[in-house]
Amino acid sequence: MSLSPCLQSYYYRKMSLSPWFKSPFTDMTSAMLSHQWYGRCAKREMKMIDCLEAYGLDKGLEKCDALIEDFKECANSHKQLKRSAAMRYERQRQYWAGERSKEELYAPPPKIDSF
């Protein structure tokens, strides 16, 4: 998704890293949602946060764009889901066009206890 710089700045300001009102409660609950507990995206998140912290939010959106996109893909898996949906639709298209039989629609499952 490509946004204009003005809209991109507005979009990312909505998810600003600092709270609007700072209090001990916001300090206590500020890091409740992060990917540091999950092993898959922890390193990407740290690289992104370090980059944003080094450049600041406004300049960091330009300089750290690749890291931000990598982290968003890791966290949300949009490309992976689109790829699997495209494969599923292609199999269905082949089945409807008569290129695949019902038995060949999906690969046979592995044998029981073959893991």
C-alpha atoms as a PDB file:
ATOM      1  CA  MET A   1       0.000   0.000   0.000  1.00  0.00           C
ATOM      2  CA  SER A   2       1.535   3.259  -1.082  1.00  0.00           C
ATOM      3  CA  LEU A   3       0.348   6.417   0.651  1.00  0.00           C
ATOM      4  CA  SER A   4       1.249   9.995  -0.031  1.00  0.00           C
ATOM      5  CA  PRO A   5       3.812  11.396   2.427  1.00  0.00           C
ATOM      6  CA  CYS A   6       1.153  13.580   4.045  1.00  0.00           C
ATOM      7  CA  LEU A   7      -1.244  10.670   4.595  1.00  0.00           C
ATOM      8  CA  GLN A   8       1.600   8.398   5.631  1.00  0.00           C
ATOM      9  CA  SER A   9       2.692  10.882   8.283  1.00  0.00           C
ATOM     10  CA  TYR A  10      -0.912  11.145   9.525  1.00  0.00           C
ATOM     11  CA  TYR A  11      -1.317   7.361   9.503  1.00  0.00           C
ATOM     12  CA  TYR A  12       1.826   6.777  11.532  1.00  0.00           C
ATOM     13  CA  ARG A  13       1.087   9.638  13.905  1.00  0.00           C
ATOM     14  CA  LYS A  14      -2.124   7.846  14.839  1.00  0.00           C
ATOM     15  CA  MET A  15       0.018   4.995  16.136  1.00  0.00           C
ATOM     16  CA  SER A  16       2.565   7.267  17.755  1.00  0.00           C
ATOM     17  CA  LEU A  17       5.117   5.719  20.040  1.00  0.00           C
ATOM     18  CA  SER A  18       4.572   8.209  22.843  1.00  0.00           C
ATOM     19  CA  PRO A  19       1.274   8.733  24.674  1.00  0.00           C
ATOM     20  CA  TRP A  20      -0.711  11.947  24.491  1.00  0.00           C
ATOM     21  CA  PHE A  21      -0.954  12.135  28.288  1.00  0.00           C
ATOM     22  CA  LYS A  22       1.990  10.844  30.306  1.00  0.00           C
ATOM     23  CA  SER A  23       1.421   9.418  33.767  1.00  0.00           C
ATOM     24  CA  PRO A  24       2.753   6.546  35.888  1.00  0.00           C
ATOM     25  CA  PHE A  25      -0.087   4.411  34.536  1.00  0.00           C
ATOM     26  CA  THR A  26       0.992   4.984  30.921  1.00  0.00           C
ATOM     27  CA  ASP A  27       4.568   4.147  31.894  1.00  0.00           C
ATOM     28  CA  MET A  28       3.412   0.935  33.519  1.00  0.00           C
ATOM     29  CA  THR A  29       1.260  -0.186  30.574  1.00  0.00           C
ATOM     30  CA  SER A  30       3.315   1.198  27.697  1.00  0.00           C
ATOM     31  CA  ALA A  31       4.993  -2.039  26.675  1.00  0.00           C
ATOM     32  CA  MET A  32       2.121  -4.454  27.099  1.00  0.00           C
ATOM     33  CA  LEU A  33       1.842  -5.160  23.386  1.00  0.00           C
ATOM     34  CA  SER A  34       5.111  -6.006  21.739  1.00  0.00           C
ATOM     35  CA  HIS A  35       6.552  -8.882  19.791  1.00  0.00           C
ATOM     36  CA  GLN A  36       9.460  -9.381  22.167  1.00  0.00           C
ATOM     37  CA  TRP A  37       7.737 -12.342  23.794  1.00  0.00           C
ATOM     38  CA  TYR A  38       7.271 -14.070  20.450  1.00  0.00           C
ATOM     39  CA  GLY A  39      10.461 -15.348  18.854  1.00  0.00           C
ATOM     40  CA  ARG A  40       9.464 -14.858  15.241  1.00  0.00           C
ATOM     41  CA  CYS A  41       9.364 -11.052  14.950  1.00  0.00           C
ATOM     42  CA  ALA A  42      11.351  -9.953  17.992  1.00  0.00           C
ATOM     43  CA  LYS A  43      14.581  -9.097  16.164  1.00  0.00           C
ATOM     44  CA  ARG A  44      12.780  -7.224  13.393  1.00  0.00           C
ATOM     45  CA  GLU A  45      10.810  -5.223  15.930  1.00  0.00           C
ATOM     46  CA  MET A  46      13.963  -4.272  17.834  1.00  0.00           C
ATOM     47  CA  LYS A  47      15.708  -3.153  14.635  1.00  0.00           C
ATOM     48  CA  MET A  48      12.677  -1.066  13.678  1.00  0.00           C
ATOM     49  CA  ILE A  49      12.334   0.523  17.133  1.00  0.00           C
ATOM     50  CA  ASP A  50      16.082   1.234  17.324  1.00  0.00           C
ATOM     51  CA  CYS A  51      15.981   2.916  13.927  1.00  0.00           C
ATOM     52  CA  LEU A  52      12.912   4.991  14.818  1.00  0.00           C
ATOM     53  CA  GLU A  53      14.504   5.942  18.111  1.00  0.00           C
ATOM     54  CA  ALA A  54      17.726   6.995  16.403  1.00  0.00           C
ATOM     55  CA  TYR A  55      16.090   9.182  13.743  1.00  0.00           C
ATOM     56  CA  GLY A  56      12.907  10.265  15.506  1.00  0.00           C
ATOM     57  CA  LEU A  57       9.402   9.579  14.244  1.00  0.00           C
ATOM     58  CA  ASP A  58       9.234  12.006  11.313  1.00  0.00           C
ATOM     59  CA  LYS A  59      12.671  11.335   9.813  1.00  0.00           C
ATOM     60  CA  GLY A  60      12.523   7.693  10.880  1.00  0.00           C
ATOM     61  CA  LEU A  61       9.486   7.063   8.693  1.00  0.00           C
ATOM     62  CA  GLU A  62      11.636   7.912   5.675  1.00  0.00           C
ATOM     63  CA  LYS A  63      14.899   6.291   6.760  1.00  0.00           C
ATOM     64  CA  CYS A  64      13.422   3.167   8.352  1.00  0.00           C
ATOM     65  CA  ASP A  65      10.714   2.444   5.777  1.00  0.00           C
ATOM     66  CA  ALA A  66      12.217  -0.907   4.755  1.00  0.00           C
ATOM     67  CA  LEU A  67      12.479  -2.048   8.383  1.00  0.00           C
ATOM     68  CA  ILE A  68       8.920  -0.943   9.102  1.00  0.00           C
ATOM     69  CA  GLU A  69       7.587  -2.835   6.083  1.00  0.00           C
ATOM     70  CA  ASP A  70       9.576  -5.960   7.034  1.00  0.00           C
ATOM     71  CA  PHE A  71       8.200  -5.875  10.555  1.00  0.00           C
ATOM     72  CA  LYS A  72       4.624  -5.328   9.397  1.00  0.00           C
ATOM     73  CA  GLU A  73       4.932  -8.283   7.018  1.00  0.00           C
ATOM     74  CA  CYS A  74       6.381 -10.467   9.766  1.00  0.00           C
ATOM     75  CA  ALA A  75       3.661  -9.491  12.229  1.00  0.00           C
ATOM     76  CA  ASN A  76       0.679  -9.620   9.862  1.00  0.00           C
ATOM     77  CA  SER A  77       1.766 -12.122   7.161  1.00  0.00           C
ATOM     78  CA  HIS A  78      -0.214 -10.337   4.441  1.00  0.00           C
ATOM     79  CA  LYS A  79       1.941 -11.611   1.574  1.00  0.00           C
ATOM     80  CA  GLN A  80       1.897 -15.163   2.904  1.00  0.00           C
ATOM     81  CA  LEU A  81      -1.889 -15.150   3.210  1.00  0.00           C
ATOM     82  CA  LYS A  82      -2.317 -13.667  -0.275  1.00  0.00           C
ATOM     83  CA  ARG A  83       0.036 -16.293  -1.707  1.00  0.00           C
ATOM     84  CA  SER A  84      -1.864 -19.192  -0.125  1.00  0.00           C
ATOM     85  CA  ALA A  85      -5.198 -17.713  -1.249  1.00  0.00           C
ATOM     86  CA  ALA A  86      -3.867 -17.387  -4.806  1.00  0.00           C
ATOM     87  CA  MET A  87      -2.791 -21.049  -4.782  1.00  0.00           C
ATOM     88  CA  ARG A  88      -6.187 -22.123  -3.454  1.00  0.00           C
ATOM     89  CA  TYR A  89      -8.023 -20.078  -6.105  1.00  0.00           C
ATOM     90  CA  GLU A  90      -5.800 -21.493  -8.847  1.00  0.00           C
ATOM     91  CA  ARG A  91      -6.599 -25.046  -7.746  1.00  0.00           C
ATOM     92  CA  GLN A  92     -10.306 -24.218  -7.735  1.00  0.00           C
ATOM     93  CA  ARG A  93     -10.026 -22.594 -11.168  1.00  0.00           C
ATOM     94  CA  GLN A  94      -8.314 -25.686 -12.548  1.00  0.00           C
ATOM     95  CA  TYR A  95     -11.003 -27.898 -11.018  1.00  0.00           C
ATOM     96  CA  TRP A  96     -13.824 -25.792 -12.489  1.00  0.00           C
ATOM     97  CA  ALA A  97     -12.105 -25.734 -15.896  1.00  0.00           C
ATOM     98  CA  GLY A  98     -11.798 -29.527 -15.839  1.00  0.00           C
ATOM     99  CA  GLU A  99      -7.997 -29.544 -15.695  1.00  0.00           C
ATOM    100  CA  ARG A 100      -8.045 -31.378 -12.344  1.00  0.00           C
ATOM    101  CA  SER A 101     -10.262 -34.159 -11.147  1.00  0.00           C
ATOM    102  CA  LYS A 102     -11.838 -34.150  -7.717  1.00  0.00           C
ATOM    103  CA  GLU A 103      -9.252 -36.663  -6.504  1.00  0.00           C
ATOM    104  CA  GLU A 104      -6.379 -34.462  -7.711  1.00  0.00           C
ATOM    105  CA  LEU A 105      -7.791 -31.253  -6.252  1.00  0.00           C
ATOM    106  CA  TYR A 106      -5.567 -31.478  -3.171  1.00  0.00           C
ATOM    107  CA  ALA A 107      -2.469 -33.516  -2.434  1.00  0.00           C
ATOM    108  CA  PRO A 108      -3.064 -36.742  -0.530  1.00  0.00           C
ATOM    109  CA  PRO A 109      -2.519 -36.481   3.220  1.00  0.00           C
ATOM    110  CA  PRO A 110       0.538 -38.099   4.796  1.00  0.00           C
ATOM    111  CA  LYS A 111       0.224 -41.574   6.244  1.00  0.00           C
ATOM    112  CA  ILE A 112      -0.799 -41.863   9.863  1.00  0.00           C
ATOM    113  CA  ASP A 113       2.107 -41.494  12.317  1.00  0.00           C
ATOM    114  CA  SER A 114       4.519 -40.497   9.562  1.00  0.00           C
ATOM    115  CA  PHE A 115       5.792 -37.382  11.271  1.00  0.00           C
END
